Amino acid sequence: MIIKYILLMTMFLQLTLFSQELKIKANTFSADEQKGLSVFSGHVRMKKGNDELNASEITIYTDKKNQPTKFVAVGAVSFKIETKKDTKYEGQANRVVYIPKEKVYRFYGNVNLKQLNKKKEIVGDEVTLALDSGKASAKGLKTKPVIMTFDIKNDKE
């Protein structure tokens, strides 16, 4: 039964959610079809096209039709992301949540998000990035503000 579920989930993720191949490597895998959960743990590497998500654990939540509704990565999360407009990001966070229907990433805890194309960087406790629009927002802690770093060119250059 679990093998059938794994095959069904793999085929679905490859054909429906992403137009590119989704590849997940991990030390262990467990699934609960009734609860709509697939948990990958131990040096998890998830890759789709140019996007990459690495973590100690990644949990995939699905609805009753086995449609993924949420991806949650925890434990020393690092990532590389490319938006529709070819903007490239990389960084780290304690926890990352991806909502496929909205195409939105939410980063939590010690977030460091670098926009590579324009040399911008956001450091904060909570950062949201919308892939379609490229819009980002950030929150700091009461004791620690959000830090934004920009590379501004001098007019004389």
Protein backbone atom coordinates (compact mmCIF):
# COMPACT_ATOMS: atom_id res chain seq x y z
CA MET A 1 0.00 0.00 0.00
CA ILE A 2 2.76 2.46 0.91
CA ILE A 3 4.67 1.70 -2.33
CA LYS A 4 1.53 2.47 -4.32
CA TYR A 5 1.16 5.77 -2.45
CA ILE A 6 4.81 6.71 -3.06
CA LEU A 7 4.48 6.01 -6.78
CA LEU A 8 1.21 7.93 -7.00
CA MET A 9 2.69 10.88 -5.10
CA THR A 10 5.84 10.92 -7.25
CA MET A 11 3.87 10.79 -10.50
CA PHE A 12 1.51 13.51 -9.31
CA LEU A 13 4.31 15.84 -8.25
CA GLN A 14 6.09 15.38 -11.55
CA LEU A 15 3.05 15.81 -13.79
CA THR A 16 0.71 18.20 -12.02
CA LEU A 17 2.44 20.47 -9.55
CA PHE A 18 5.60 21.12 -11.49
CA SER A 19 6.32 21.18 -15.20
CA GLN A 20 9.84 20.04 -14.33
CA GLU A 21 11.01 16.94 -12.50
CA LEU A 22 10.89 17.12 -8.70
CA LYS A 23 13.61 15.07 -7.07
CA ILE A 24 13.81 14.47 -3.31
CA LYS A 25 16.71 12.68 -1.61
CA ALA A 26 16.59 11.86 2.09
CA ASN A 27 17.81 9.31 4.61
CA THR A 28 14.26 8.28 5.54
CA PHE A 29 10.73 8.58 4.19
CA SER A 30 7.34 7.95 5.77
CA ALA A 31 3.80 8.60 4.56
CA ASP A 32 0.31 8.63 5.97
CA GLU A 33 -2.17 8.65 3.09
CA GLN A 34 -5.16 9.12 5.42
CA LYS A 35 -3.65 12.29 6.92
CA GLY A 36 -2.18 13.48 3.62
CA LEU A 37 1.39 13.61 4.94
CA SER A 38 4.72 12.65 3.41
CA VAL A 39 7.77 13.21 5.61
CA PHE A 40 11.33 13.13 4.32
CA SER A 41 14.07 13.39 6.97
CA GLY A 42 17.82 13.29 7.32
CA HIS A 43 19.90 15.41 4.93
CA VAL A 44 16.91 16.18 2.71
CA ARG A 45 17.64 17.67 -0.71
CA MET A 46 14.68 18.71 -2.84
CA LYS A 47 15.39 19.96 -6.36
CA LYS A 48 13.16 21.20 -9.18
CA GLY A 49 14.77 22.87 -12.16
CA ASN A 50 17.01 25.62 -10.77
CA ASP A 51 15.24 25.66 -7.38
CA GLU A 52 16.74 23.79 -4.45
CA LEU A 53 15.66 23.30 -0.84
CA ASN A 54 17.89 21.56 1.73
CA ALA A 55 16.82 20.78 5.30
CA SER A 56 16.86 18.26 8.11
CA GLU A 57 13.20 17.48 7.37
CA ILE A 58 10.65 18.33 4.70
CA THR A 59 6.96 17.55 5.17
CA ILE A 60 4.55 17.62 2.22
CA TYR A 61 0.86 18.13 3.04
CA THR A 62 -1.74 17.02 0.50
CA ASP A 63 -5.52 17.34 0.18
CA LYS A 64 -7.99 14.51 -0.40
CA LYS A 65 -7.14 14.48 -4.12
CA ASN A 66 -3.41 14.09 -3.29
CA GLN A 67 -2.79 17.68 -4.39
CA PRO A 68 0.11 19.24 -2.43
CA THR A 69 -1.11 22.17 -0.37
CA LYS A 70 2.00 22.98 1.64
CA PHE A 71 5.70 22.13 1.90
CA VAL A 72 7.38 22.70 5.27
CA ALA A 73 11.17 22.50 5.65
CA VAL A 74 12.81 22.66 9.09
CA GLY A 75 16.30 22.35 10.53
CA ALA A 76 19.21 24.31 9.04
CA VAL A 77 17.25 25.15 5.89
CA SER A 78 19.16 26.49 2.89
CA PHE A 79 17.64 27.33 -0.47
CA LYS A 80 18.07 28.61 -4.01
CA ILE A 81 14.98 30.03 -5.72
CA GLU A 82 14.29 31.57 -9.11
CA THR A 83 11.16 33.68 -9.74
CA LYS A 84 9.13 33.91 -12.96
CA LYS A 85 11.03 37.08 -13.80
CA ASP A 86 14.40 35.26 -13.55
CA THR A 87 15.30 36.90 -10.25
CA LYS A 88 17.57 34.57 -8.29
CA TYR A 89 17.63 34.23 -4.51
CA GLU A 90 19.57 32.12 -2.08
CA GLY A 91 19.75 31.99 1.67
CA GLN A 92 19.06 30.29 4.97
CA ALA A 93 16.31 30.16 7.59
CA ASN A 94 15.22 28.01 10.52
CA ARG A 95 11.95 27.10 8.79
CA VAL A 96 10.57 27.54 5.27
CA VAL A 97 6.94 27.12 4.19
CA TYR A 98 5.98 26.99 0.51
CA ILE A 99 2.32 27.30 -0.56
CA PRO A 100 2.17 26.00 -4.17
CA LYS A 101 -1.31 27.31 -4.96
CA GLU A 102 -0.25 30.86 -4.09
CA LYS A 103 3.38 30.42 -5.25
CA VAL A 104 4.54 32.04 -2.01
CA TYR A 105 7.51 31.24 0.21
CA ARG A 106 7.48 32.18 3.89
CA PHE A 107 10.80 32.12 5.75
CA TYR A 108 10.99 32.08 9.57
CA GLY A 109 13.76 32.48 12.15
CA ASN A 110 17.23 33.87 11.42
CA VAL A 111 16.30 34.57 7.80
CA ASN A 112 19.02 35.66 5.41
CA LEU A 113 17.64 36.16 1.89
CA LYS A 114 20.01 37.34 -0.83
CA GLN A 115 18.82 38.57 -4.22
CA LEU A 116 21.75 37.66 -6.43
CA ASN A 117 20.89 39.61 -9.59
CA LYS A 118 20.85 43.02 -7.85
CA LYS A 119 23.02 42.35 -4.81
CA LYS A 120 20.24 42.97 -2.29
CA GLU A 121 19.98 41.23 1.05
CA ILE A 122 17.23 40.97 3.68
CA VAL A 123 17.97 39.79 7.22
CA GLY A 124 15.02 39.36 9.57
CA ASP A 125 12.88 37.00 11.58
CA GLU A 126 10.06 36.58 9.04
CA VAL A 127 10.27 37.16 5.28
CA THR A 128 7.65 36.50 2.59
CA LEU A 129 8.47 36.16 -1.12
CA ALA A 130 5.83 35.89 -3.89
CA LEU A 131 7.26 34.11 -6.93
CA ASP A 132 4.86 35.50 -9.55
CA SER A 133 5.20 39.17 -8.62
CA GLY A 134 8.63 39.09 -7.00
CA LYS A 135 7.25 41.10 -4.06
CA ALA A 136 8.91 40.62 -0.69
CA SER A 137 8.12 41.76 2.84
CA ALA A 138 9.98 41.32 6.11
CA LYS A 139 9.49 41.58 9.87
CA GLY A 140 12.09 41.84 12.59
CA LEU A 141 11.91 41.03 16.26
CA LYS A 142 11.13 43.61 18.96
CA THR A 143 14.79 43.57 19.94
CA LYS A 144 16.22 43.12 16.45
CA PRO A 145 15.10 45.14 13.39
CA VAL A 146 14.99 44.04 9.76
CA ILE A 147 18.22 44.81 7.94
CA MET A 148 18.25 45.61 4.22
CA THR A 149 21.48 45.92 2.28
CA PHE A 150 21.59 47.44 -1.23
CA ASP A 151 24.42 47.86 -3.71
CA ILE A 152 24.01 51.47 -4.88
CA LYS A 153 26.16 52.58 -7.78
CA ASN A 154 27.83 55.96 -7.69
CA ASP A 155 26.78 58.32 -10.52
CA LYS A 156 30.45 58.91 -11.35
CA GLU A 157 31.03 55.21 -12.12
